[in-house]
Amino acid sequence: NRALYPRPQRRGFTALSIMSAELAAPSEPFVRFFTKKIYPKAITEKVVAQFTEIIKKSLHQFMNDMINDRLKSALAQETAATKDKEISGKAEPEPVVQEEPKIKTTEIEKEGFFIVKSILRNTIDPARIYYRDTQSYFNILLDDTIRKQICRLYLNAQKKYIGIFQDKKETKYEISTIDDIYGHTEALVAAATFYEKEKEHLNYIDK
């Protein structure tokens, strides 16, 4: 139906140019698309504004991770090829087998990360919240330091858990879906602000 789907007026409008534009400045429909997946309430203009910067930074981090992975893979292949040339003529080189990465961040873990970020957005600057994935759990940190653990997500098994840190000790809670993370909002805010209060206390002692 041409009335519903008019032809683009500009030529050369490719998927790459669209994606580049969204990475530079996410449009409202683009932000709403991702926000619907992690935000259960009505998506108002205020919510869109709050999530726009979060999604923009997350996309940049995701793209940087992908580029780094590609560069590491290319470097590993080049190193392996150089070694094969050095031993050629001495022995038959064995085929290089690229091992699958042992740690692979899943989509559900990323969604969980965005939920925790959205919960803490009014308490902590979202730019200070990072994650580090491990084989056993998905770690969410303040200021990208292991000394400031906010919570751990255990989402890749049949039973799912969230482990929240209180006074630097982890307490695990079983969850049915990642939406259940919202039910632990108070504990997550307390975990994140604990380190801020600790910092203020230490500064007071120094004085």
N, C-alpha and C. Protein backbone atom coordinates (compact mmCIF):
# COMPACT_ATOMS: atom_id res chain seq x y z
N ASN A 1 0.85 -1.18 0.00
CA ASN A 1 0.00 0.00 0.00
C ASN A 1 0.89 1.23 0.00
N ARG A 2 0.94 1.99 -1.11
CA ARG A 2 1.86 3.11 -1.21
C ARG A 2 1.47 4.25 -0.29
N ALA A 3 0.16 4.34 0.06
CA ALA A 3 -0.27 5.40 0.97
C ALA A 3 0.31 5.19 2.36
N LEU A 4 0.34 3.92 2.81
CA LEU A 4 0.89 3.61 4.12
C LEU A 4 2.40 3.58 4.12
N TYR A 5 3.00 3.14 3.02
CA TYR A 5 4.45 2.99 2.94
C TYR A 5 4.99 3.77 1.73
N PRO A 6 5.05 5.09 1.81
CA PRO A 6 5.54 5.88 0.68
C PRO A 6 7.00 5.58 0.39
N ARG A 7 7.37 5.75 -0.85
CA ARG A 7 8.77 5.51 -1.23
C ARG A 7 9.64 6.62 -0.70
N PRO A 8 10.87 6.29 -0.25
CA PRO A 8 11.78 7.33 0.26
C PRO A 8 12.07 8.37 -0.79
N GLN A 9 12.17 9.62 -0.38
CA GLN A 9 12.42 10.71 -1.31
C GLN A 9 13.91 10.84 -1.64
N ARG A 10 14.76 10.32 -0.73
CA ARG A 10 16.20 10.43 -0.95
C ARG A 10 16.80 9.09 -1.31
N ARG A 11 17.66 9.11 -2.32
CA ARG A 11 18.35 7.88 -2.70
C ARG A 11 19.63 7.70 -1.89
N GLY A 12 20.13 6.48 -1.89
CA GLY A 12 21.35 6.21 -1.15
C GLY A 12 21.14 6.11 0.34
N PHE A 13 19.89 5.94 0.77
CA PHE A 13 19.54 5.84 2.20
C PHE A 13 19.66 4.39 2.62
N THR A 14 20.85 3.97 3.03
CA THR A 14 21.14 2.56 3.30
C THR A 14 20.96 2.22 4.76
N ALA A 15 20.96 0.90 5.05
CA ALA A 15 20.86 0.44 6.44
C ALA A 15 22.04 0.95 7.26
N LEU A 16 23.22 1.02 6.61
CA LEU A 16 24.42 1.49 7.32
C LEU A 16 24.27 2.95 7.72
N SER A 17 23.73 3.78 6.80
CA SER A 17 23.57 5.20 7.13
C SER A 17 22.53 5.40 8.22
N ILE A 18 21.47 4.57 8.21
CA ILE A 18 20.45 4.65 9.25
C ILE A 18 21.06 4.30 10.60
N MET A 19 21.83 3.20 10.65
CA MET A 19 22.43 2.75 11.91
C MET A 19 23.43 3.76 12.43
N SER A 20 24.20 4.35 11.51
CA SER A 20 25.18 5.36 11.91
C SER A 20 24.49 6.56 12.54
N ALA A 21 23.37 6.95 11.93
CA ALA A 21 22.62 8.09 12.47
C ALA A 21 22.05 7.77 13.86
N GLU A 22 21.55 6.55 14.03
CA GLU A 22 20.98 6.16 15.33
C GLU A 22 22.06 6.08 16.41
N LEU A 23 23.25 5.64 16.04
CA LEU A 23 24.36 5.57 17.00
C LEU A 23 24.77 6.98 17.45
N ALA A 24 24.76 7.92 16.50
CA ALA A 24 25.17 9.29 16.83
C ALA A 24 24.11 10.00 17.65
N ALA A 25 22.85 9.82 17.27
CA ALA A 25 21.75 10.48 17.98
C ALA A 25 20.50 9.61 17.86
N PRO A 26 20.26 8.71 18.83
CA PRO A 26 19.12 7.79 18.75
C PRO A 26 17.79 8.56 18.63
N SER A 27 16.99 8.15 17.64
CA SER A 27 15.69 8.78 17.44
C SER A 27 14.69 8.28 18.48
N GLU A 28 13.58 8.98 18.61
CA GLU A 28 12.57 8.59 19.60
C GLU A 28 12.00 7.19 19.33
N PRO A 29 11.64 6.83 18.05
CA PRO A 29 11.15 5.46 17.80
C PRO A 29 12.18 4.41 18.15
N PHE A 30 13.46 4.70 17.87
CA PHE A 30 14.54 3.77 18.18
C PHE A 30 14.65 3.56 19.69
N VAL A 31 14.59 4.65 20.45
CA VAL A 31 14.67 4.57 21.91
C VAL A 31 13.46 3.84 22.48
N ARG A 32 12.29 4.15 21.95
CA ARG A 32 11.08 3.49 22.42
C ARG A 32 11.12 1.98 22.19
N PHE A 33 11.70 1.56 21.05
CA PHE A 33 11.78 0.13 20.71
C PHE A 33 12.53 -0.64 21.80
N PHE A 34 13.68 -0.12 22.25
CA PHE A 34 14.47 -0.81 23.26
C PHE A 34 13.90 -0.62 24.66
N THR A 35 13.33 0.56 24.89
CA THR A 35 12.77 0.83 26.22
C THR A 35 11.61 -0.12 26.53
N LYS A 36 10.80 -0.44 25.51
CA LYS A 36 9.67 -1.35 25.71
C LYS A 36 10.11 -2.70 26.25
N LYS A 37 11.31 -3.13 25.90
CA LYS A 37 11.78 -4.46 26.27
C LYS A 37 12.18 -4.55 27.75
N ILE A 38 12.48 -3.40 28.37
CA ILE A 38 12.99 -3.46 29.75
C ILE A 38 12.21 -2.58 30.71
N TYR A 39 11.32 -1.74 30.20
CA TYR A 39 10.59 -0.83 31.08
C TYR A 39 9.11 -1.19 31.04
N PRO A 40 8.55 -1.68 32.14
CA PRO A 40 7.19 -2.23 32.12
C PRO A 40 6.07 -1.19 32.18
N LYS A 41 6.42 0.06 32.50
CA LYS A 41 5.39 1.07 32.68
C LYS A 41 5.19 1.88 31.40
N ALA A 42 4.27 2.85 31.47
CA ALA A 42 3.99 3.69 30.31
C ALA A 42 5.24 4.49 29.94
N ILE A 43 5.52 4.56 28.65
CA ILE A 43 6.73 5.23 28.18
C ILE A 43 6.36 6.66 27.80
N THR A 44 6.60 7.57 28.71
CA THR A 44 6.31 8.99 28.50
C THR A 44 7.52 9.67 27.86
N GLU A 45 7.33 10.95 27.52
CA GLU A 45 8.44 11.71 26.94
C GLU A 45 9.60 11.82 27.93
N LYS A 46 9.27 11.91 29.23
CA LYS A 46 10.32 11.99 30.25
C LYS A 46 11.12 10.69 30.29
N VAL A 47 10.43 9.55 30.21
CA VAL A 47 11.11 8.24 30.21
C VAL A 47 12.00 8.12 28.97
N VAL A 48 11.48 8.56 27.81
CA VAL A 48 12.28 8.51 26.57
C VAL A 48 13.54 9.33 26.72
N ALA A 49 13.41 10.51 27.31
CA ALA A 49 14.58 11.38 27.51
C ALA A 49 15.60 10.72 28.42
N GLN A 50 15.13 10.05 29.49
CA GLN A 50 16.05 9.39 30.42
C GLN A 50 16.78 8.22 29.77
N PHE A 51 16.05 7.48 28.93
CA PHE A 51 16.66 6.29 28.32
C PHE A 51 17.51 6.62 27.10
N THR A 52 17.33 7.78 26.49
CA THR A 52 18.07 8.11 25.27
C THR A 52 19.57 8.07 25.51
N GLU A 53 20.03 8.72 26.59
CA GLU A 53 21.47 8.75 26.86
C GLU A 53 21.98 7.38 27.28
N ILE A 54 21.16 6.64 28.06
CA ILE A 54 21.56 5.29 28.49
C ILE A 54 21.77 4.39 27.28
N ILE A 55 20.80 4.42 26.36
CA ILE A 55 20.88 3.56 25.16
C ILE A 55 22.04 3.99 24.27
N LYS A 56 22.26 5.29 24.14
CA LYS A 56 23.37 5.78 23.32
C LYS A 56 24.70 5.28 23.84
N LYS A 57 24.93 5.42 25.16
CA LYS A 57 26.19 4.96 25.76
C LYS A 57 26.33 3.45 25.67
N SER A 58 25.23 2.74 25.86
CA SER A 58 25.27 1.28 25.82
C SER A 58 25.60 0.78 24.42
N LEU A 59 25.04 1.44 23.40
CA LEU A 59 25.34 1.06 22.02
C LEU A 59 26.81 1.31 21.69
N HIS A 60 27.33 2.42 22.15
CA HIS A 60 28.74 2.71 21.90
C HIS A 60 29.63 1.67 22.59
N GLN A 61 29.27 1.31 23.82
CA GLN A 61 30.06 0.30 24.53
C GLN A 61 29.98 -1.05 23.81
N PHE A 62 28.76 -1.38 23.34
CA PHE A 62 28.57 -2.65 22.62
C PHE A 62 29.40 -2.67 21.34
N MET A 63 29.40 -1.55 20.58
CA MET A 63 30.16 -1.48 19.33
C MET A 63 31.66 -1.57 19.62
N ASN A 64 32.11 -0.89 20.68
CA ASN A 64 33.53 -0.95 21.03
C ASN A 64 33.95 -2.37 21.39
N ASP A 65 33.08 -3.08 22.13
CA ASP A 65 33.37 -4.46 22.49
C ASP A 65 33.48 -5.34 21.25
N MET A 66 32.56 -5.13 20.29
CA MET A 66 32.59 -5.92 19.06
C MET A 66 33.87 -5.65 18.27
N ILE A 67 34.25 -4.36 18.17
CA ILE A 67 35.46 -4.01 17.42
C ILE A 67 36.69 -4.61 18.09
N ASN A 68 36.75 -4.53 19.41
CA ASN A 68 37.89 -5.10 20.14
C ASN A 68 37.98 -6.60 19.94
N ASP A 69 36.82 -7.28 19.96
CA ASP A 69 36.81 -8.72 19.74
C ASP A 69 37.33 -9.07 18.34
N ARG A 70 36.89 -8.28 17.34
CA ARG A 70 37.35 -8.52 15.96
C ARG A 70 38.86 -8.29 15.83
N LEU A 71 39.36 -7.23 16.47
CA LEU A 71 40.79 -6.94 16.39
C LEU A 71 41.62 -8.04 17.06
N LYS A 72 41.14 -8.50 18.23
CA LYS A 72 41.86 -9.58 18.92
C LYS A 72 41.87 -10.86 18.09
N SER A 73 40.73 -11.16 17.46
CA SER A 73 40.65 -12.36 16.63
C SER A 73 41.58 -12.26 15.43
N ALA A 74 41.61 -11.07 14.78
CA ALA A 74 42.48 -10.87 13.62
C ALA A 74 43.95 -10.98 14.02
N LEU A 75 44.30 -10.42 15.18
CA LEU A 75 45.68 -10.48 15.67
C LEU A 75 46.08 -11.91 15.97
N ALA A 76 45.18 -12.68 16.57
CA ALA A 76 45.46 -14.08 16.88
C ALA A 76 45.70 -14.88 15.61
N GLN A 77 44.88 -14.62 14.58
CA GLN A 77 45.04 -15.33 13.31
C GLN A 77 46.36 -14.98 12.63
N GLU A 78 46.73 -13.68 12.69
CA GLU A 78 47.98 -13.24 12.08
C GLU A 78 49.18 -13.86 12.79
N THR A 79 49.13 -13.92 14.11
CA THR A 79 50.21 -14.52 14.89
C THR A 79 50.34 -16.00 14.56
N ALA A 80 49.22 -16.69 14.46
CA ALA A 80 49.24 -18.11 14.13
C ALA A 80 49.81 -18.35 12.74
N ALA A 81 49.44 -17.48 11.77
CA ALA A 81 49.94 -17.62 10.40
C ALA A 81 51.45 -17.41 10.34
N THR A 82 51.95 -16.45 11.14
CA THR A 82 53.40 -16.18 11.17
C THR A 82 54.16 -17.39 11.72
N LYS A 83 53.65 -18.00 12.77
CA LYS A 83 54.29 -19.18 13.34
C LYS A 83 54.30 -20.34 12.35
N ASP A 84 53.21 -20.48 11.58
CA ASP A 84 53.15 -21.55 10.58
C ASP A 84 54.23 -21.38 9.52
N LYS A 85 54.47 -20.12 9.11
CA LYS A 85 55.50 -19.87 8.10
C LYS A 85 56.89 -20.20 8.63
N GLU A 86 57.11 -19.90 9.93
CA GLU A 86 58.43 -20.14 10.53
C GLU A 86 58.78 -21.62 10.59
N ILE A 87 57.78 -22.47 10.80
CA ILE A 87 58.07 -23.90 10.94
C ILE A 87 57.83 -24.68 9.65
N SER A 88 57.43 -23.97 8.57
CA SER A 88 57.22 -24.67 7.30
C SER A 88 58.54 -25.26 6.81
N GLY A 89 58.52 -26.46 6.30
CA GLY A 89 59.71 -27.15 5.83
C GLY A 89 60.29 -28.06 6.89
N LYS A 90 60.01 -27.78 8.14
CA LYS A 90 60.49 -28.63 9.23
C LYS A 90 59.47 -29.70 9.60
N ALA A 91 58.26 -29.30 9.65
CA ALA A 91 57.20 -30.25 9.99
C ALA A 91 55.89 -29.77 9.40
N GLU A 92 54.99 -30.68 9.20
CA GLU A 92 53.67 -30.33 8.66
C GLU A 92 52.91 -29.53 9.71
N PRO A 93 52.56 -28.29 9.41
CA PRO A 93 51.86 -27.49 10.42
C PRO A 93 50.46 -28.03 10.70
N GLU A 94 50.13 -27.98 11.96
CA GLU A 94 48.79 -28.41 12.35
C GLU A 94 47.80 -27.27 12.11
N PRO A 95 46.57 -27.61 11.73
CA PRO A 95 45.57 -26.56 11.49
C PRO A 95 45.29 -25.78 12.77
N VAL A 96 45.15 -24.47 12.61
CA VAL A 96 44.88 -23.61 13.76
C VAL A 96 43.39 -23.67 14.07
N VAL A 97 43.07 -24.04 15.28
CA VAL A 97 41.68 -24.13 15.71
C VAL A 97 41.37 -22.94 16.61
N GLN A 98 40.42 -22.13 16.16
CA GLN A 98 40.02 -20.98 16.95
C GLN A 98 39.01 -21.43 18.01
N GLU A 99 39.41 -21.30 19.27
CA GLU A 99 38.52 -21.71 20.35
C GLU A 99 37.41 -20.69 20.54
N GLU A 100 36.24 -21.21 20.87
CA GLU A 100 35.13 -20.34 21.20
C GLU A 100 35.42 -19.63 22.52
N PRO A 101 35.11 -18.35 22.62
CA PRO A 101 35.35 -17.66 23.91
C PRO A 101 34.57 -18.32 25.03
N LYS A 102 35.24 -18.52 26.16
CA LYS A 102 34.60 -19.17 27.30
C LYS A 102 33.55 -18.27 27.94
N ILE A 103 33.78 -16.97 27.87
CA ILE A 103 32.82 -16.03 28.44
C ILE A 103 32.10 -15.31 27.30
N LYS A 104 30.80 -15.49 27.26
CA LYS A 104 29.98 -14.85 26.22
C LYS A 104 28.80 -14.16 26.89
N THR A 105 28.77 -12.85 26.80
CA THR A 105 27.68 -12.08 27.40
C THR A 105 26.41 -12.29 26.59
N THR A 106 25.35 -12.75 27.26
CA THR A 106 24.09 -13.05 26.58
C THR A 106 23.18 -11.83 26.55
N GLU A 107 22.15 -11.92 25.69
CA GLU A 107 21.20 -10.81 25.57
C GLU A 107 20.45 -10.59 26.88
N ILE A 108 20.08 -11.67 27.55
CA ILE A 108 19.32 -11.52 28.80
C ILE A 108 20.17 -10.83 29.87
N GLU A 109 21.49 -11.07 29.85
CA GLU A 109 22.38 -10.40 30.80
C GLU A 109 22.45 -8.90 30.49
N LYS A 110 22.50 -8.56 29.21
CA LYS A 110 22.53 -7.15 28.83
C LYS A 110 21.22 -6.46 29.23
N GLU A 111 20.09 -7.15 29.02
CA GLU A 111 18.80 -6.58 29.41
C GLU A 111 18.75 -6.36 30.92
N GLY A 112 19.28 -7.33 31.68
CA GLY A 112 19.34 -7.19 33.13
C GLY A 112 20.18 -5.99 33.54
N PHE A 113 21.28 -5.78 32.83
CA PHE A 113 22.16 -4.64 33.10
C PHE A 113 21.42 -3.32 32.88
N PHE A 114 20.66 -3.23 31.77
CA PHE A 114 19.91 -2.02 31.49
C PHE A 114 18.84 -1.76 32.55
N ILE A 115 18.22 -2.84 33.05
CA ILE A 115 17.20 -2.68 34.09
C ILE A 115 17.83 -2.10 35.36
N VAL A 116 18.97 -2.65 35.78
CA VAL A 116 19.65 -2.14 36.98
C VAL A 116 20.05 -0.68 36.78
N LYS A 117 20.53 -0.35 35.58
CA LYS A 117 20.91 1.03 35.29
C LYS A 117 19.71 1.96 35.41
N SER A 118 18.56 1.52 34.86
CA SER A 118 17.36 2.35 34.90
C SER A 118 16.86 2.54 36.33
N ILE A 119 17.01 1.50 37.17
CA ILE A 119 16.59 1.60 38.57
C ILE A 119 17.44 2.63 39.32
N LEU A 120 18.74 2.66 39.01
CA LEU A 120 19.67 3.52 39.75
C LEU A 120 19.86 4.91 39.14
N ARG A 121 19.19 5.18 38.02
CA ARG A 121 19.47 6.40 37.27
C ARG A 121 19.22 7.68 38.07
N ASN A 122 18.25 7.64 39.00
CA ASN A 122 17.95 8.83 39.80
C ASN A 122 18.84 8.95 41.04
N THR A 123 19.66 7.92 41.28
CA THR A 123 20.52 7.90 42.46
C THR A 123 22.00 8.01 42.09
N ILE A 124 22.39 7.30 41.02
CA ILE A 124 23.79 7.25 40.59
C ILE A 124 23.86 7.63 39.12
N ASP A 125 24.88 8.40 38.76
CA ASP A 125 25.10 8.73 37.35
C ASP A 125 25.27 7.43 36.55
N PRO A 126 24.42 7.19 35.54
CA PRO A 126 24.50 5.94 34.77
C PRO A 126 25.89 5.68 34.17
N ALA A 127 26.63 6.75 33.91
CA ALA A 127 27.97 6.59 33.33
C ALA A 127 28.94 5.92 34.30
N ARG A 128 28.59 5.87 35.58
CA ARG A 128 29.46 5.25 36.59
C ARG A 128 29.16 3.76 36.77
N ILE A 129 28.16 3.25 36.10
CA ILE A 129 27.75 1.86 36.28
C ILE A 129 28.29 1.02 35.13
N TYR A 130 29.03 -0.03 35.47
CA TYR A 130 29.69 -0.89 34.49
C TYR A 130 29.33 -2.35 34.77
N TYR A 131 29.72 -3.20 33.83
CA TYR A 131 29.57 -4.63 34.08
C TYR A 131 30.84 -5.37 33.69
N ARG A 132 31.06 -6.50 34.37
CA ARG A 132 32.13 -7.43 34.01
C ARG A 132 31.54 -8.83 34.03
N ASP A 133 31.60 -9.48 32.90
CA ASP A 133 31.02 -10.82 32.79
C ASP A 133 32.06 -11.87 33.20
N THR A 134 31.60 -12.93 33.85
CA THR A 134 32.46 -14.05 34.20
C THR A 134 31.75 -15.33 33.78
N GLN A 135 32.42 -16.47 33.92
CA GLN A 135 31.80 -17.75 33.57
C GLN A 135 30.67 -18.11 34.52
N SER A 136 30.72 -17.63 35.75
CA SER A 136 29.75 -18.03 36.77
C SER A 136 28.61 -17.04 36.95
N TYR A 137 28.88 -15.75 36.74
CA TYR A 137 27.86 -14.74 36.99
C TYR A 137 28.20 -13.47 36.21
N PHE A 138 27.23 -12.55 36.20
CA PHE A 138 27.36 -11.27 35.51
C PHE A 138 27.44 -10.19 36.57
N ASN A 139 28.58 -9.54 36.68
CA ASN A 139 28.86 -8.60 37.77
C ASN A 139 28.51 -7.17 37.35
N ILE A 140 27.77 -6.45 38.18
CA ILE A 140 27.46 -5.04 37.93
C ILE A 140 28.16 -4.21 39.02
N LEU A 141 28.98 -3.24 38.56
CA LEU A 141 29.90 -2.54 39.45
C LEU A 141 29.68 -1.03 39.40
N LEU A 142 30.10 -0.38 40.46
CA LEU A 142 30.15 1.07 40.50
C LEU A 142 31.58 1.51 40.20
N ASP A 143 31.73 2.45 39.28
CA ASP A 143 33.05 3.01 38.93
C ASP A 143 34.00 1.97 38.35
N ASP A 144 33.45 0.89 37.81
CA ASP A 144 34.25 -0.14 37.13
C ASP A 144 35.35 -0.73 38.02
N THR A 145 35.04 -0.88 39.32
CA THR A 145 36.01 -1.50 40.23
C THR A 145 35.35 -2.64 40.97
N ILE A 146 36.08 -3.73 41.10
CA ILE A 146 35.54 -4.93 41.77
C ILE A 146 35.31 -4.68 43.25
N ARG A 147 35.91 -3.60 43.77
CA ARG A 147 35.73 -3.27 45.19
C ARG A 147 34.37 -2.61 45.46
N LYS A 148 33.65 -2.28 44.38
CA LYS A 148 32.33 -1.64 44.53
C LYS A 148 31.27 -2.45 43.77
N GLN A 149 31.03 -3.66 44.25
CA GLN A 149 30.04 -4.53 43.61
C GLN A 149 28.62 -4.13 44.04
N ILE A 150 27.77 -3.87 43.08
CA ILE A 150 26.37 -3.55 43.37
C ILE A 150 25.55 -4.84 43.43
N CYS A 151 25.68 -5.65 42.39
CA CYS A 151 24.94 -6.92 42.37
C CYS A 151 25.57 -7.87 41.37
N ARG A 152 25.13 -9.13 41.44
CA ARG A 152 25.51 -10.15 40.47
C ARG A 152 24.23 -10.76 39.90
N LEU A 153 24.23 -11.02 38.61
CA LEU A 153 23.09 -11.66 37.96
C LEU A 153 23.48 -13.08 37.55
N TYR A 154 22.64 -14.03 37.91
CA TYR A 154 22.83 -15.44 37.54
C TYR A 154 21.65 -15.80 36.64
N LEU A 155 21.81 -15.62 35.33
CA LEU A 155 20.66 -15.69 34.43
C LEU A 155 20.75 -16.79 33.37
N ASN A 156 21.86 -17.51 33.31
CA ASN A 156 22.05 -18.45 32.21
C ASN A 156 21.74 -19.90 32.57
N ALA A 157 21.20 -20.12 33.76
CA ALA A 157 20.79 -21.47 34.17
C ALA A 157 19.26 -21.53 34.23
N GLN A 158 18.73 -22.73 34.51
CA GLN A 158 17.28 -22.87 34.59
C GLN A 158 16.71 -22.00 35.71
N LYS A 159 17.36 -22.02 36.87
CA LYS A 159 16.95 -21.14 37.98
C LYS A 159 17.77 -19.86 37.91
N LYS A 160 17.09 -18.73 38.05
CA LYS A 160 17.74 -17.44 37.91
C LYS A 160 17.78 -16.74 39.27
N TYR A 161 18.88 -16.01 39.51
CA TYR A 161 19.04 -15.32 40.80
C TYR A 161 19.62 -13.93 40.56
N ILE A 162 19.38 -13.07 41.53
CA ILE A 162 20.10 -11.80 41.62
C ILE A 162 20.76 -11.78 43.00
N GLY A 163 22.06 -11.51 43.03
CA GLY A 163 22.79 -11.41 44.29
C GLY A 163 23.10 -9.94 44.56
N ILE A 164 22.54 -9.39 45.61
CA ILE A 164 22.70 -7.97 45.93
C ILE A 164 23.63 -7.82 47.13
N PHE A 165 24.54 -6.86 47.04
CA PHE A 165 25.53 -6.66 48.10
C PHE A 165 25.04 -5.65 49.13
N GLN A 166 25.09 -6.07 50.38
CA GLN A 166 24.79 -5.21 51.52
C GLN A 166 25.99 -5.25 52.46
N ASP A 167 26.60 -4.08 52.71
CA ASP A 167 27.82 -4.03 53.52
C ASP A 167 28.88 -4.98 52.95
N LYS A 168 28.95 -5.03 51.62
CA LYS A 168 29.93 -5.82 50.88
C LYS A 168 29.72 -7.34 51.01
N LYS A 169 28.55 -7.76 51.50
CA LYS A 169 28.21 -9.18 51.58
C LYS A 169 27.04 -9.46 50.65
N GLU A 170 27.16 -10.55 49.88
CA GLU A 170 26.14 -10.86 48.87
C GLU A 170 24.98 -11.66 49.47
N THR A 171 23.76 -11.23 49.13
CA THR A 171 22.55 -11.99 49.46
C THR A 171 21.83 -12.32 48.15
N LYS A 172 21.58 -13.60 47.92
CA LYS A 172 20.98 -14.04 46.67
C LYS A 172 19.47 -14.20 46.80
N TYR A 173 18.75 -13.78 45.74
CA TYR A 173 17.29 -13.91 45.67
C TYR A 173 16.92 -14.59 44.36
N GLU A 174 16.05 -15.57 44.43
CA GLU A 174 15.61 -16.24 43.21
C GLU A 174 14.60 -15.35 42.48
N ILE A 175 14.71 -15.29 41.15
CA ILE A 175 13.77 -14.52 40.33
C ILE A 175 13.26 -15.41 39.21
N SER A 176 12.03 -15.15 38.78
CA SER A 176 11.43 -15.94 37.69
C SER A 176 11.82 -15.38 36.33
N THR A 177 11.77 -14.06 36.21
CA THR A 177 12.15 -13.36 34.98
C THR A 177 12.99 -12.14 35.36
N ILE A 178 13.62 -11.52 34.36
CA ILE A 178 14.45 -10.35 34.66
C ILE A 178 13.59 -9.17 35.11
N ASP A 179 12.30 -9.18 34.79
CA ASP A 179 11.42 -8.11 35.27
C ASP A 179 11.30 -8.12 36.79
N ASP A 180 11.57 -9.28 37.41
CA ASP A 180 11.51 -9.36 38.87
C ASP A 180 12.60 -8.53 39.53
N ILE A 181 13.59 -8.10 38.75
CA ILE A 181 14.66 -7.25 39.31
C ILE A 181 14.07 -5.96 39.87
N TYR A 182 12.99 -5.48 39.23
CA TYR A 182 12.36 -4.24 39.71
C TYR A 182 11.86 -4.39 41.15
N GLY A 183 11.55 -5.61 41.56
CA GLY A 183 11.08 -5.84 42.91
C GLY A 183 12.16 -5.67 43.96
N HIS A 184 13.40 -5.53 43.53
CA HIS A 184 14.53 -5.36 44.47
C HIS A 184 15.13 -3.96 44.35
N THR A 185 14.30 -3.00 43.92
CA THR A 185 14.77 -1.63 43.71
C THR A 185 15.41 -1.04 44.97
N GLU A 186 14.73 -1.18 46.11
CA GLU A 186 15.22 -0.59 47.35
C GLU A 186 16.59 -1.14 47.73
N ALA A 187 16.75 -2.46 47.62
CA ALA A 187 18.03 -3.09 47.97
C ALA A 187 19.14 -2.67 47.02
N LEU A 188 18.82 -2.51 45.74
CA LEU A 188 19.83 -2.10 44.75
C LEU A 188 20.28 -0.67 45.01
N VAL A 189 19.34 0.20 45.32
CA VAL A 189 19.70 1.59 45.63
C VAL A 189 20.57 1.64 46.89
N ALA A 190 20.22 0.84 47.89
CA ALA A 190 21.01 0.79 49.12
C ALA A 190 22.42 0.28 48.84
N ALA A 191 22.54 -0.72 47.97
CA ALA A 191 23.85 -1.28 47.64
C ALA A 191 24.73 -0.24 46.95
N ALA A 192 24.14 0.53 46.03
CA ALA A 192 24.91 1.52 45.28
C ALA A 192 25.31 2.71 46.16
N THR A 193 24.38 3.16 47.01
CA THR A 193 24.67 4.34 47.84
C THR A 193 25.56 4.00 49.03
N PHE A 194 25.70 2.71 49.35
CA PHE A 194 26.58 2.31 50.46
C PHE A 194 28.00 2.83 50.24
N TYR A 195 28.48 2.72 48.99
CA TYR A 195 29.86 3.12 48.72
C TYR A 195 30.01 4.64 48.78
N GLU A 196 28.94 5.37 48.42
CA GLU A 196 28.99 6.82 48.52
C GLU A 196 29.06 7.25 49.99
N LYS A 197 28.25 6.60 50.83
CA LYS A 197 28.27 6.92 52.27
C LYS A 197 29.61 6.55 52.89
N GLU A 198 30.16 5.41 52.44
CA GLU A 198 31.46 4.98 52.96
C GLU A 198 32.54 6.00 52.60
N LYS A 199 32.47 6.51 51.37
CA LYS A 199 33.44 7.51 50.92
C LYS A 199 33.32 8.79 51.73
N GLU A 200 32.08 9.23 51.99
CA GLU A 200 31.86 10.43 52.79
C GLU A 200 32.39 10.24 54.21
N HIS A 201 32.19 9.03 54.75
CA HIS A 201 32.66 8.75 56.11
C HIS A 201 34.18 8.81 56.19
N LEU A 202 34.85 8.25 55.19
CA LEU A 202 36.32 8.25 55.18
C LEU A 202 36.85 9.67 55.02
N ASN A 203 36.17 10.46 54.17
CA ASN A 203 36.60 11.86 54.01
C ASN A 203 36.45 12.64 55.31
N TYR A 204 35.38 12.34 56.05
CA TYR A 204 35.15 13.02 57.32
C TYR A 204 36.23 12.65 58.33
N ILE A 205 36.63 11.37 58.36
CA ILE A 205 37.69 10.92 59.28
C ILE A 205 39.02 11.60 58.93
N ASP A 206 39.32 11.73 57.63
CA ASP A 206 40.57 12.36 57.20
C ASP A 206 40.66 13.81 57.66
N LYS A 207 39.48 14.45 57.74
CA LYS A 207 39.49 15.84 58.18
C LYS A 207 39.77 15.94 59.68
